[in-house]
């Protein structure tokens, strides 16, 4: 009699366990649940992508500062900058109003010509 009671209880417990498992799996496969899972995974992927971008940016800043130190770009000299250059404009004062044309030349004005 105890054997029958044991096996009956074991079978009932296995049935309840199996039913619970199946119901949980079915709830996970509903459209709402699948949409929520996809949204959660997308959010997680976005966080991982943001962390990666921040790591890359930090690495870029660090490498830029290393290159700046190696090239001496971060060094600020105490001396002032030299004065700005001035360009001398050469003018022909004798022919101020007279336009000069090149006549009798064997070259064309068009630089794009190949002949």
Protein backbone atom coordinates (compact mmCIF):
# COMPACT_ATOMS: atom_id res chain seq x y z
CA UNK A 1 0.00 0.00 0.00
CA UNK A 2 2.86 2.36 0.75
CA UNK A 3 4.35 1.62 -2.66
CA UNK A 4 1.18 2.64 -4.43
CA UNK A 5 0.93 5.84 -2.39
CA UNK A 6 4.58 6.67 -3.08
CA UNK A 7 4.25 6.15 -6.83
CA UNK A 8 0.96 8.00 -6.95
CA UNK A 9 2.53 10.99 -5.14
CA UNK A 10 5.63 10.85 -7.33
CA UNK A 11 3.51 10.79 -10.51
CA UNK A 12 1.33 13.67 -9.33
CA UNK A 13 4.42 15.72 -8.44
CA UNK A 14 5.98 14.98 -11.85
CA UNK A 15 2.75 15.99 -13.58
CA UNK A 16 2.53 19.28 -11.67
CA UNK A 17 6.22 19.98 -12.42
CA UNK A 18 5.84 19.22 -16.13
CA UNK A 19 2.65 21.30 -16.41
CA UNK A 20 4.33 24.25 -14.71
CA UNK A 21 7.36 24.02 -17.04
CA UNK A 22 5.18 23.85 -20.15
CA UNK A 23 3.04 26.80 -19.05
CA UNK A 24 6.17 28.92 -18.38
CA UNK A 25 7.55 28.10 -21.84
CA UNK A 26 4.21 28.96 -23.47
CA UNK A 27 4.11 32.31 -21.66
CA UNK A 28 7.62 33.07 -22.92
CA UNK A 29 6.48 32.46 -26.50
CA UNK A 30 3.55 34.88 -26.51
CA UNK A 31 3.96 37.92 -28.83
CA UNK A 32 4.02 40.36 -25.93
CA UNK A 33 6.71 38.40 -24.14
CA UNK A 34 8.80 38.05 -27.31
CA UNK A 35 8.50 41.80 -27.94
CA UNK A 36 9.58 42.56 -24.35
CA UNK A 37 12.55 40.20 -24.66
CA UNK A 38 13.61 41.80 -27.94
CA UNK A 39 13.30 45.28 -26.42
CA UNK A 40 15.40 44.27 -23.41
CA UNK A 41 18.08 42.78 -25.64
CA UNK A 42 18.09 45.91 -27.80
CA UNK A 43 18.51 48.10 -24.73
CA UNK A 44 21.36 45.91 -23.49
CA UNK A 45 23.03 46.05 -26.90
CA UNK A 46 22.65 49.84 -26.91
CA UNK A 47 24.29 50.09 -23.49
CA UNK A 48 27.16 47.87 -24.63
CA UNK A 49 27.58 49.95 -27.80
CA UNK A 50 27.57 53.18 -25.79
CA UNK A 51 30.21 51.76 -23.41
CA UNK A 52 32.32 50.72 -26.40
CA UNK A 53 32.04 54.19 -27.95
CA UNK A 54 33.05 55.83 -24.67
CA UNK A 55 36.04 53.48 -24.38
CA UNK A 56 37.08 54.33 -27.93
CA UNK A 57 36.72 58.05 -27.23
CA UNK A 58 38.82 57.75 -24.06
CA UNK A 59 41.46 55.85 -26.00
CA UNK A 60 41.48 58.49 -28.73
CA UNK A 61 41.94 61.29 -26.20
CA UNK A 62 44.72 59.39 -24.47
CA UNK A 63 46.51 58.62 -27.74
CA UNK A 64 46.09 62.20 -28.95
CA UNK A 65 47.70 63.50 -25.77
CA UNK A 66 50.56 60.99 -26.17
CA UNK A 67 51.13 62.13 -29.75
CA UNK A 68 50.89 65.77 -28.71
CA UNK A 69 53.58 65.24 -26.08
CA UNK A 70 55.77 63.29 -28.50
CA UNK A 71 55.50 66.02 -31.16
CA UNK A 72 55.75 68.89 -28.70
CA UNK A 73 52.32 70.27 -29.49
CA UNK A 74 51.31 70.56 -25.84
CA UNK A 75 54.32 72.75 -25.01
CA UNK A 76 53.39 76.44 -24.80
CA UNK A 77 56.47 78.61 -25.27
CA UNK A 78 56.74 81.83 -23.32
CA UNK A 79 57.84 83.81 -26.37
CA UNK A 80 55.24 85.60 -28.39
CA UNK A 81 54.45 84.71 -31.94
CA UNK A 82 56.46 86.45 -34.64
CA UNK A 83 54.92 89.40 -36.42
CA UNK A 84 52.65 88.64 -39.34
CA UNK A 85 54.30 88.76 -42.75
CA UNK A 86 53.48 91.55 -45.11
CA UNK A 87 53.45 90.98 -48.82
CA UNK A 88 54.88 93.63 -51.09
CA UNK A 89 52.65 94.34 -54.06
CA UNK A 90 54.50 95.17 -57.23
CA UNK A 91 52.70 97.69 -59.36
CA UNK A 92 53.51 99.12 -62.74
CA UNK A 93 52.97 102.84 -62.20
CA UNK A 94 53.82 103.88 -65.75
CA UNK A 95 50.97 101.93 -67.41
CA UNK A 96 48.36 102.42 -64.75
CA UNK A 97 45.31 102.82 -66.96
CA UNK A 98 46.64 100.97 -69.96
CA UNK A 99 45.66 97.32 -70.30
CA UNK A 100 48.44 95.13 -71.55
CA UNK A 101 47.65 92.41 -74.05
CA UNK A 102 49.95 89.76 -75.36
CA UNK A 103 49.86 90.06 -79.09
CA UNK A 104 51.78 88.01 -81.60
CA UNK A 105 52.36 85.14 -79.26
CA UNK A 106 52.52 81.55 -80.34
CA UNK A 107 50.93 80.31 -77.12
CA UNK A 108 47.24 80.09 -76.42
CA UNK A 109 45.58 81.56 -73.33
CA UNK A 110 43.76 78.30 -72.72
CA UNK A 111 45.94 76.23 -70.40
CA UNK A 112 43.70 73.21 -70.75
CA UNK A 113 44.55 72.69 -74.39
CA UNK A 114 46.67 69.68 -75.10
CA UNK A 115 48.08 70.87 -78.44
